Amino acid sequence: MTTDLPAAHPDRGTRPGPFGRALRTVRDNLGAYLVVNAVMYGLSIAGFVTALVFPELNAAQVASLQADGTADLVLSLLGNVWLFALVILGVNTVTVGALSILLPSMIVPFAGIAVFAYRAVDIGLTLAPADRTGWVVLVPHSLTYLIEFQAYVLLVLGAYLLGRSWLRPASVGAPNRRAGYVSGLRQIGRLSLPALVLFVVGAVYEAFTLSYLVPVLVQAMS
């Protein structure tokens, strides 16, 4: 007497979770991921070095932040660290991530990559310290830069994959550009979750260091 048992599903128990799918997307496009890192970090560092050589560029960036009220907003939020973190998170995810990188790329292929390339240089110009206090602030803020910038890199990679899938649907096995576009959006979705986690970690770290650690370091160095 034999008993027929249901065959085990080959994918059962092995299907990756959302972070696993994101990691697989990066691994499958490792060359593009490394190039995006090299280009974007390189542009930002170039902006940083340029501002050190020409301090007036950094001064212009600081003056712009003061003129548009950004500097005053930061100072007003230092007393409420969680609200400060929420504002930082909103700026990073919505203003830069969604509106500067993803949305333009959903309208014109690769457009968000060009927009963020400009922003990368601008970030470097702004980070360049103009005096001793600026160097002190840069010590803890350099980790903020690495965390948040890596989140931007993941979104830029998503913008690249969207553009490639859109213009060359065969690269993702899609029958036409519409299907390629949808496939590209899925890849953006996979990369957006780890990017969001990095944005949250970066925002909390930045808010706490600027509110509590930086004033102590500046006072100790004075």
Protein backbone atom coordinates (compact mmCIF):
# COMPACT_ATOMS: atom_id res chain seq x y z
CA MET A 1 0.00 0.00 0.00
CA THR A 2 1.40 3.35 -1.02
CA THR A 3 0.45 6.81 0.13
CA ASP A 4 0.72 9.72 -2.26
CA LEU A 5 2.19 12.74 -0.52
CA PRO A 6 2.01 16.25 -2.00
CA ALA A 7 5.24 17.25 -3.66
CA ALA A 8 7.15 19.94 -1.90
CA HIS A 9 7.10 23.26 -3.69
CA PRO A 10 10.65 23.98 -4.89
CA ASP A 11 10.53 27.61 -3.78
CA ARG A 12 8.85 27.01 -0.43
CA GLY A 13 10.99 28.19 2.44
CA THR A 14 13.64 29.61 0.08
CA ARG A 15 11.90 32.67 -1.27
CA PRO A 16 13.94 35.71 -0.21
CA GLY A 17 12.42 38.49 1.86
CA PRO A 18 12.39 42.15 0.81
CA PHE A 19 15.97 42.77 1.91
CA GLY A 20 17.06 39.56 0.21
CA ARG A 21 15.46 40.71 -3.03
CA ALA A 22 17.19 44.09 -2.72
CA LEU A 23 20.53 42.39 -2.13
CA ARG A 24 19.97 40.14 -5.12
CA THR A 25 19.16 43.17 -7.28
CA VAL A 26 22.42 44.80 -6.24
CA ARG A 27 24.36 41.57 -6.76
CA ASP A 28 22.84 41.05 -10.22
CA ASN A 29 23.84 44.60 -11.16
CA LEU A 30 27.08 44.80 -9.19
CA GLY A 31 29.02 46.50 -11.98
CA ALA A 32 26.46 49.30 -12.30
CA TYR A 33 26.28 49.63 -8.50
CA LEU A 34 30.06 50.06 -8.21
CA VAL A 35 30.12 52.59 -11.05
CA VAL A 36 27.31 54.62 -9.45
CA ASN A 37 29.21 54.64 -6.15
CA ALA A 38 32.45 55.72 -7.80
CA VAL A 39 30.82 58.47 -9.87
CA MET A 40 28.57 59.96 -7.18
CA TYR A 41 31.04 59.82 -4.31
CA GLY A 42 33.69 61.08 -6.72
CA LEU A 43 31.60 64.10 -7.73
CA SER A 44 30.83 64.89 -4.11
CA ILE A 45 34.49 64.64 -3.08
CA ALA A 46 35.43 66.81 -6.06
CA GLY A 47 32.99 69.45 -4.81
CA PHE A 48 34.48 69.16 -1.31
CA VAL A 49 38.06 69.62 -2.55
CA THR A 50 37.04 72.47 -4.84
CA ALA A 51 35.47 74.33 -1.91
CA LEU A 52 38.67 73.86 0.11
CA VAL A 53 40.70 75.37 -2.73
CA PHE A 54 38.16 78.14 -3.34
CA PRO A 55 36.59 78.97 0.07
CA GLU A 56 34.33 81.58 -1.49
CA LEU A 57 32.28 78.74 -3.01
CA ASN A 58 31.51 77.35 0.44
CA ALA A 59 30.75 80.85 1.69
CA ALA A 60 28.25 81.25 -1.14
CA GLN A 61 26.59 77.96 -0.17
CA VAL A 62 26.31 79.05 3.48
CA ALA A 63 24.92 82.43 2.44
CA SER A 64 22.32 80.68 0.28
CA LEU A 65 21.23 78.50 3.21
CA GLN A 66 20.89 81.56 5.39
CA ALA A 67 18.98 83.48 2.73
CA ASP A 68 16.39 80.77 2.13
CA GLY A 69 15.83 80.22 5.85
CA THR A 70 17.38 76.74 6.02
CA ALA A 71 19.99 77.75 8.60
CA ASP A 72 17.37 79.36 10.84
CA LEU A 73 15.15 76.28 10.55
CA VAL A 74 17.99 74.00 11.65
CA LEU A 75 18.76 76.19 14.66
CA SER A 76 15.09 76.26 15.67
CA LEU A 77 14.86 72.46 15.56
CA LEU A 78 17.93 71.69 17.65
CA GLY A 79 15.83 71.76 20.81
CA ASN A 80 13.47 69.02 19.58
CA VAL A 81 15.63 66.16 18.38
CA TRP A 82 12.82 63.89 17.16
CA LEU A 83 11.14 66.66 15.18
CA PHE A 84 14.57 67.53 13.78
CA ALA A 85 15.08 63.91 12.71
CA LEU A 86 11.63 63.87 11.08
CA VAL A 87 12.39 67.02 9.08
CA ILE A 88 15.74 65.59 7.96
CA LEU A 89 14.03 62.37 6.93
CA GLY A 90 11.39 64.29 4.98
CA VAL A 91 13.98 66.34 3.10
CA ASN A 92 16.11 63.30 2.26
CA THR A 93 13.27 61.02 1.18
CA VAL A 94 10.88 63.46 -0.49
CA THR A 95 12.87 66.48 -1.68
CA VAL A 96 15.98 64.63 -2.79
CA GLY A 97 15.04 60.95 -3.12
CA ALA A 98 11.57 61.16 -4.64
CA LEU A 99 11.50 64.54 -6.37
CA SER A 100 15.12 64.82 -7.52
CA ILE A 101 16.04 61.21 -8.35
CA LEU A 102 13.00 59.00 -8.89
CA LEU A 103 10.30 61.29 -10.33
CA PRO A 104 12.47 62.81 -13.11
CA SER A 105 13.64 59.30 -14.05
CA MET A 106 10.03 58.13 -14.34
CA ILE A 107 9.39 60.88 -16.90
CA VAL A 108 12.68 60.97 -18.82
CA PRO A 109 15.05 57.98 -18.73
CA PHE A 110 18.09 58.61 -16.49
CA ALA A 111 17.07 62.23 -15.82
CA GLY A 112 17.27 61.78 -12.04
CA ILE A 113 20.87 60.59 -12.35
CA ALA A 114 21.87 63.90 -13.91
CA VAL A 115 19.94 65.87 -11.29
CA PHE A 116 21.58 64.04 -8.42
CA ALA A 117 25.02 64.34 -10.03
CA TYR A 118 24.61 68.10 -9.69
CA ARG A 119 23.37 67.68 -6.12
CA ALA A 120 26.37 65.47 -5.29
CA VAL A 121 28.75 68.29 -6.19
CA ASP A 122 26.57 70.73 -4.25
CA ILE A 123 26.67 68.47 -1.16
CA GLY A 124 30.45 68.40 -1.33
CA LEU A 125 30.64 72.18 -1.61
CA THR A 126 28.39 72.57 1.44
CA LEU A 127 30.24 70.03 3.61
CA ALA A 128 33.66 71.61 3.11
CA PRO A 129 34.66 73.23 6.42
CA ALA A 130 35.54 76.91 6.36
CA ASP A 131 37.18 77.06 9.80
CA ARG A 132 38.28 74.96 12.79
CA THR A 133 34.71 74.56 14.02
CA GLY A 134 33.70 73.22 10.63
CA TRP A 135 36.34 70.49 10.86
CA VAL A 136 35.10 69.55 14.34
CA VAL A 137 31.52 69.26 13.05
CA LEU A 138 32.73 67.17 10.11
CA VAL A 139 34.11 64.43 12.40
CA PRO A 140 30.70 63.02 13.47
CA HIS A 141 28.94 64.32 10.36
CA SER A 142 31.14 62.26 8.03
CA LEU A 143 29.27 59.12 9.14
CA THR A 144 25.96 60.85 8.40
CA TYR A 145 27.30 61.61 4.93
CA LEU A 146 28.28 57.99 4.28
CA ILE A 147 24.93 56.59 5.49
CA GLU A 148 22.64 59.04 3.70
CA PHE A 149 24.71 59.15 0.52
CA GLN A 150 24.58 55.36 0.26
CA ALA A 151 20.79 55.60 0.37
CA TYR A 152 20.94 58.07 -2.52
CA VAL A 153 23.24 55.68 -4.41
CA LEU A 154 20.65 52.89 -4.14
CA LEU A 155 17.97 55.19 -5.56
CA VAL A 156 20.28 56.32 -8.37
CA LEU A 157 20.93 52.66 -9.16
CA GLY A 158 17.16 52.17 -9.28
CA ALA A 159 16.86 55.12 -11.67
CA TYR A 160 19.51 53.55 -13.91
CA LEU A 161 17.79 50.15 -13.89
CA LEU A 162 14.46 51.80 -14.73
CA GLY A 163 15.97 53.65 -17.68
CA ARG A 164 17.72 50.54 -18.96
CA SER A 165 14.62 48.37 -18.63
CA TRP A 166 12.53 51.08 -20.27
CA LEU A 167 14.79 51.64 -23.29
CA ARG A 168 16.03 48.05 -23.61
CA PRO A 169 13.20 45.82 -22.38
CA ALA A 170 14.97 42.72 -23.68
CA SER A 171 17.61 43.25 -20.95
CA VAL A 172 15.01 42.17 -18.37
CA GLY A 173 13.20 39.70 -20.60
CA ALA A 174 10.26 42.06 -21.21
CA PRO A 175 8.39 41.90 -24.53
CA ASN A 176 8.00 45.66 -24.93
CA ARG A 177 8.93 49.00 -23.37
CA ARG A 178 5.78 49.21 -21.30
CA ALA A 179 6.57 45.89 -19.65
CA GLY A 180 10.19 46.97 -19.28
CA TYR A 181 9.06 50.15 -17.54
CA VAL A 182 6.97 48.14 -15.08
CA SER A 183 9.92 45.83 -14.44
CA GLY A 184 12.11 48.85 -13.76
CA LEU A 185 9.60 50.19 -11.24
CA ARG A 186 9.69 46.83 -9.44
CA GLN A 187 13.47 47.07 -9.18
CA ILE A 188 13.16 50.58 -7.76
CA GLY A 189 10.68 49.23 -5.22
CA ARG A 190 13.14 46.54 -4.13
CA LEU A 191 15.94 49.07 -3.65
CA SER A 192 13.74 51.67 -1.94
CA LEU A 193 13.27 49.66 1.27
CA PRO A 194 16.96 49.46 2.26
CA ALA A 195 17.34 53.07 1.11
CA LEU A 196 14.53 54.08 3.45
CA VAL A 197 16.15 52.21 6.35
CA LEU A 198 19.41 54.05 5.69
CA PHE A 199 17.54 57.36 5.53
CA VAL A 200 15.90 56.70 8.91
CA VAL A 201 19.20 55.68 10.55
CA GLY A 202 20.97 58.68 9.02
CA ALA A 203 18.27 61.14 10.08
CA VAL A 204 18.23 59.95 13.70
CA TYR A 205 22.01 59.89 13.91
CA GLU A 206 22.33 63.35 12.33
CA ALA A 207 19.69 64.88 14.60
CA PHE A 208 21.25 63.47 17.78
CA THR A 209 24.82 64.35 16.86
CA LEU A 210 23.99 67.92 15.84
CA SER A 211 21.80 68.45 18.91
CA TYR A 212 24.01 66.83 21.55
CA LEU A 213 27.46 65.72 20.36
CA VAL A 214 28.55 68.63 18.16
CA PRO A 215 27.96 71.35 20.82
CA VAL A 216 30.08 69.35 23.27
CA LEU A 217 32.88 68.89 20.73
CA VAL A 218 32.85 72.55 19.74
CA GLN A 219 32.93 73.65 23.39
CA ALA A 220 35.79 71.24 24.15
CA MET A 221 37.84 72.58 21.23
CA SER A 222 37.26 76.25 22.11
